[in-house]
């Protein structure tokens, strides 16, 4: 499930970046806590790092185990503002 902001971010992507991030998002449905995933301090959120063509991308998401839902809250290039306003 994509939050509105994450859905808008994915809609703006194209080419190999779109394919790589879409694949990573779909893989989260099978394994919501893959190897390399980290929890964000002070939040009930996880962060997955993806590298596409030398550019770092982050997928920030929440796992609701009781509902069996993975909610993608943010898809963004890694920079100073990636984790602000979570």
N, C-alpha and C. Protein backbone atom coordinates (compact mmCIF):
# COMPACT_ATOMS: atom_id res chain seq x y z
N UNK A 1 0.85 -1.16 0.00
CA UNK A 1 0.00 0.00 0.00
C UNK A 1 0.90 1.23 0.00
N UNK A 2 0.61 2.18 -0.86
CA UNK A 2 1.40 3.41 -0.96
C UNK A 2 0.63 4.58 -0.38
N UNK A 3 1.29 5.35 0.47
CA UNK A 3 0.72 6.61 0.94
C UNK A 3 0.67 7.57 -0.24
N UNK A 4 -0.20 8.57 -0.21
CA UNK A 4 -0.32 9.48 -1.36
C UNK A 4 1.01 10.13 -1.78
N UNK A 5 1.82 10.56 -0.83
CA UNK A 5 3.09 11.20 -1.17
C UNK A 5 4.04 10.20 -1.85
N UNK A 6 4.06 8.97 -1.37
CA UNK A 6 4.91 7.94 -1.97
C UNK A 6 4.41 7.60 -3.37
N UNK A 7 3.11 7.54 -3.56
CA UNK A 7 2.54 7.24 -4.88
C UNK A 7 2.92 8.34 -5.88
N UNK A 8 2.87 9.59 -5.45
CA UNK A 8 3.27 10.70 -6.34
C UNK A 8 4.75 10.60 -6.71
N UNK A 9 5.58 10.24 -5.74
CA UNK A 9 7.02 10.12 -6.00
C UNK A 9 7.29 9.01 -7.01
N UNK A 10 6.60 7.89 -6.88
CA UNK A 10 6.80 6.77 -7.81
C UNK A 10 6.29 7.13 -9.20
N UNK A 11 5.20 7.86 -9.29
CA UNK A 11 4.65 8.26 -10.58
C UNK A 11 5.62 9.12 -11.38
N UNK A 12 6.48 9.87 -10.69
CA UNK A 12 7.43 10.76 -11.37
C UNK A 12 8.67 10.04 -11.88
N UNK A 13 8.84 8.78 -11.50
CA UNK A 13 10.03 8.02 -11.89
C UNK A 13 9.86 7.41 -13.27
N UNK A 14 11.01 7.04 -13.87
CA UNK A 14 10.97 6.37 -15.17
C UNK A 14 12.22 5.51 -15.32
N UNK A 15 12.22 4.70 -16.35
CA UNK A 15 13.39 3.90 -16.71
C UNK A 15 13.83 2.91 -15.64
N UNK A 16 15.14 2.72 -15.53
CA UNK A 16 15.67 1.73 -14.60
C UNK A 16 15.37 2.06 -13.14
N UNK A 17 15.26 3.34 -12.82
CA UNK A 17 14.94 3.73 -11.44
C UNK A 17 13.56 3.25 -11.07
N UNK A 18 12.60 3.45 -11.95
CA UNK A 18 11.24 2.99 -11.69
C UNK A 18 11.20 1.47 -11.54
N UNK A 19 11.87 0.76 -12.43
CA UNK A 19 11.86 -0.69 -12.37
C UNK A 19 12.48 -1.22 -11.08
N UNK A 20 13.61 -0.65 -10.68
CA UNK A 20 14.30 -1.11 -9.47
C UNK A 20 13.48 -0.82 -8.21
N UNK A 21 12.93 0.38 -8.13
CA UNK A 21 12.15 0.73 -6.93
C UNK A 21 10.83 -0.01 -6.89
N UNK A 22 10.19 -0.17 -8.02
CA UNK A 22 8.93 -0.93 -8.06
C UNK A 22 9.19 -2.39 -7.64
N UNK A 23 10.28 -2.96 -8.12
CA UNK A 23 10.62 -4.33 -7.73
C UNK A 23 10.88 -4.45 -6.24
N UNK A 24 11.59 -3.48 -5.67
CA UNK A 24 11.87 -3.50 -4.23
C UNK A 24 10.58 -3.36 -3.42
N UNK A 25 9.68 -2.51 -3.87
CA UNK A 25 8.40 -2.32 -3.17
C UNK A 25 7.57 -3.60 -3.23
N UNK A 26 7.51 -4.23 -4.39
CA UNK A 26 6.76 -5.48 -4.52
C UNK A 26 7.38 -6.59 -3.66
N UNK A 27 8.70 -6.62 -3.57
CA UNK A 27 9.37 -7.64 -2.75
C UNK A 27 9.05 -7.48 -1.28
N UNK A 28 8.75 -6.26 -0.84
CA UNK A 28 8.40 -6.05 0.57
C UNK A 28 7.12 -6.77 0.96
N UNK A 29 6.25 -7.04 0.00
CA UNK A 29 5.01 -7.76 0.32
C UNK A 29 5.32 -9.20 0.72
N UNK A 30 6.37 -9.78 0.16
CA UNK A 30 6.75 -11.15 0.52
C UNK A 30 7.61 -11.20 1.77
N UNK A 31 8.51 -10.22 1.92
CA UNK A 31 9.41 -10.17 3.07
C UNK A 31 9.51 -8.71 3.53
N UNK A 32 8.68 -8.30 4.51
CA UNK A 32 8.66 -6.90 4.91
C UNK A 32 9.90 -6.43 5.68
N UNK A 33 10.73 -7.36 6.10
CA UNK A 33 11.95 -6.99 6.82
C UNK A 33 13.16 -7.70 6.20
N UNK A 34 13.50 -7.36 4.95
CA UNK A 34 14.62 -8.04 4.30
C UNK A 34 15.95 -7.66 4.96
N UNK A 35 16.96 -8.45 4.67
CA UNK A 35 18.29 -8.18 5.20
C UNK A 35 18.74 -6.78 4.79
N UNK A 36 19.31 -6.05 5.73
CA UNK A 36 19.79 -4.69 5.44
C UNK A 36 18.79 -3.61 5.80
N UNK A 37 17.58 -4.00 6.17
CA UNK A 37 16.58 -3.02 6.57
C UNK A 37 16.89 -2.52 7.97
N UNK A 38 16.68 -1.26 8.20
CA UNK A 38 16.92 -0.66 9.52
C UNK A 38 15.65 0.01 10.02
N UNK A 39 15.50 0.05 11.34
CA UNK A 39 14.40 0.82 11.92
C UNK A 39 14.89 2.25 12.10
N UNK A 40 13.97 3.19 11.99
CA UNK A 40 14.32 4.60 12.18
C UNK A 40 14.13 4.95 13.65
N UNK A 41 15.14 5.54 14.24
CA UNK A 41 15.12 5.88 15.66
C UNK A 41 14.00 6.87 15.94
N UNK A 42 13.18 6.56 16.94
CA UNK A 42 12.11 7.46 17.34
C UNK A 42 10.83 7.31 16.54
N UNK A 43 10.81 6.36 15.60
CA UNK A 43 9.64 6.15 14.76
C UNK A 43 9.35 4.66 14.65
N UNK A 44 8.13 4.33 14.32
CA UNK A 44 7.75 2.95 14.07
C UNK A 44 7.85 2.69 12.57
N UNK A 45 9.00 3.04 12.00
CA UNK A 45 9.21 2.96 10.56
C UNK A 45 10.49 2.21 10.25
N UNK A 46 10.54 1.68 9.03
CA UNK A 46 11.73 0.99 8.54
C UNK A 46 12.26 1.73 7.32
N UNK A 47 13.56 1.51 7.05
CA UNK A 47 14.20 2.14 5.91
C UNK A 47 14.90 1.07 5.10
N UNK A 48 14.67 1.10 3.79
CA UNK A 48 15.34 0.19 2.87
C UNK A 48 16.15 1.03 1.89
N UNK A 49 17.43 0.70 1.75
CA UNK A 49 18.31 1.44 0.83
C UNK A 49 18.38 0.71 -0.50
N UNK A 50 18.26 1.49 -1.57
CA UNK A 50 18.36 0.97 -2.93
C UNK A 50 19.35 1.86 -3.69
N UNK A 51 20.22 1.25 -4.46
CA UNK A 51 21.16 2.02 -5.28
C UNK A 51 20.87 1.72 -6.74
N UNK A 52 20.60 2.78 -7.50
CA UNK A 52 20.30 2.65 -8.93
C UNK A 52 21.19 3.62 -9.70
N UNK A 53 21.99 3.08 -10.59
CA UNK A 53 22.90 3.90 -11.42
C UNK A 53 23.75 4.85 -10.57
N UNK A 54 24.22 4.38 -9.44
CA UNK A 54 25.09 5.18 -8.58
C UNK A 54 24.38 6.19 -7.71
N UNK A 55 23.06 6.19 -7.73
CA UNK A 55 22.28 7.14 -6.93
C UNK A 55 21.58 6.37 -5.82
N UNK A 56 21.70 6.88 -4.58
CA UNK A 56 21.06 6.25 -3.45
C UNK A 56 19.60 6.65 -3.32
N UNK A 57 18.74 5.67 -3.15
CA UNK A 57 17.31 5.89 -2.95
C UNK A 57 16.90 5.26 -1.63
N UNK A 58 15.86 5.81 -1.01
CA UNK A 58 15.35 5.27 0.24
C UNK A 58 13.86 5.00 0.11
N UNK A 59 13.46 3.86 0.64
CA UNK A 59 12.04 3.52 0.77
C UNK A 59 11.78 3.48 2.27
N UNK A 60 10.92 4.34 2.75
CA UNK A 60 10.56 4.39 4.17
C UNK A 60 9.16 3.81 4.29
N UNK A 61 8.99 2.88 5.22
CA UNK A 61 7.70 2.20 5.31
C UNK A 61 7.40 1.72 6.72
N UNK A 62 6.15 1.40 6.92
CA UNK A 62 5.66 0.90 8.21
C UNK A 62 5.09 -0.49 7.99
N UNK A 63 5.35 -1.39 8.93
CA UNK A 63 4.80 -2.74 8.86
C UNK A 63 3.72 -2.87 9.93
N UNK A 64 2.51 -3.18 9.49
CA UNK A 64 1.40 -3.41 10.42
C UNK A 64 1.13 -4.91 10.43
N UNK A 65 1.81 -5.60 11.36
CA UNK A 65 1.75 -7.06 11.40
C UNK A 65 0.33 -7.58 11.65
N UNK A 66 -0.41 -6.94 12.53
CA UNK A 66 -1.76 -7.42 12.85
C UNK A 66 -2.66 -7.40 11.63
N UNK A 67 -2.48 -6.38 10.79
CA UNK A 67 -3.30 -6.24 9.59
C UNK A 67 -2.64 -6.87 8.36
N UNK A 68 -1.40 -7.31 8.51
CA UNK A 68 -0.61 -7.86 7.41
C UNK A 68 -0.50 -6.86 6.26
N UNK A 69 -0.12 -5.62 6.61
CA UNK A 69 -0.02 -4.52 5.65
C UNK A 69 1.36 -3.90 5.74
N UNK A 70 1.92 -3.58 4.58
CA UNK A 70 3.14 -2.78 4.49
C UNK A 70 2.74 -1.45 3.85
N UNK A 71 2.90 -0.36 4.61
CA UNK A 71 2.52 0.97 4.13
C UNK A 71 3.79 1.73 3.77
N UNK A 72 3.97 2.01 2.49
CA UNK A 72 5.12 2.79 2.02
C UNK A 72 4.78 4.26 2.24
N UNK A 73 5.57 4.93 3.10
CA UNK A 73 5.28 6.32 3.41
C UNK A 73 6.10 7.31 2.60
N UNK A 74 7.31 6.88 2.17
CA UNK A 74 8.15 7.79 1.40
C UNK A 74 9.07 7.02 0.47
N UNK A 75 9.23 7.55 -0.73
CA UNK A 75 10.21 7.07 -1.70
C UNK A 75 10.98 8.31 -2.13
N UNK A 76 12.29 8.35 -1.83
CA UNK A 76 13.03 9.58 -2.11
C UNK A 76 14.50 9.28 -2.37
N UNK A 77 15.14 10.19 -3.10
CA UNK A 77 16.60 10.14 -3.24
C UNK A 77 17.20 10.46 -1.89
N UNK A 78 18.31 9.88 -1.61
CA UNK A 78 18.97 10.12 -0.33
C UNK A 78 19.63 11.49 -0.36
N UNK A 79 19.16 12.37 0.54
CA UNK A 79 19.79 13.68 0.73
C UNK A 79 19.47 14.16 2.13
N UNK A 80 19.76 15.39 2.42
CA UNK A 80 19.56 15.93 3.76
C UNK A 80 18.11 15.89 4.22
N UNK A 81 17.15 16.00 3.33
CA UNK A 81 15.76 16.08 3.71
C UNK A 81 14.97 14.78 3.64
N UNK A 82 15.63 13.68 3.36
CA UNK A 82 14.92 12.41 3.17
C UNK A 82 14.09 12.02 4.37
N UNK A 83 14.63 12.22 5.57
CA UNK A 83 13.96 11.75 6.78
C UNK A 83 13.25 12.85 7.55
N UNK A 84 13.20 14.05 7.00
CA UNK A 84 12.49 15.14 7.68
C UNK A 84 10.99 14.98 7.47
N UNK A 85 10.23 15.45 8.41
CA UNK A 85 8.75 15.44 8.35
C UNK A 85 8.19 14.04 8.14
N UNK A 86 8.66 13.08 8.91
CA UNK A 86 8.11 11.72 8.79
C UNK A 86 6.84 11.58 9.57
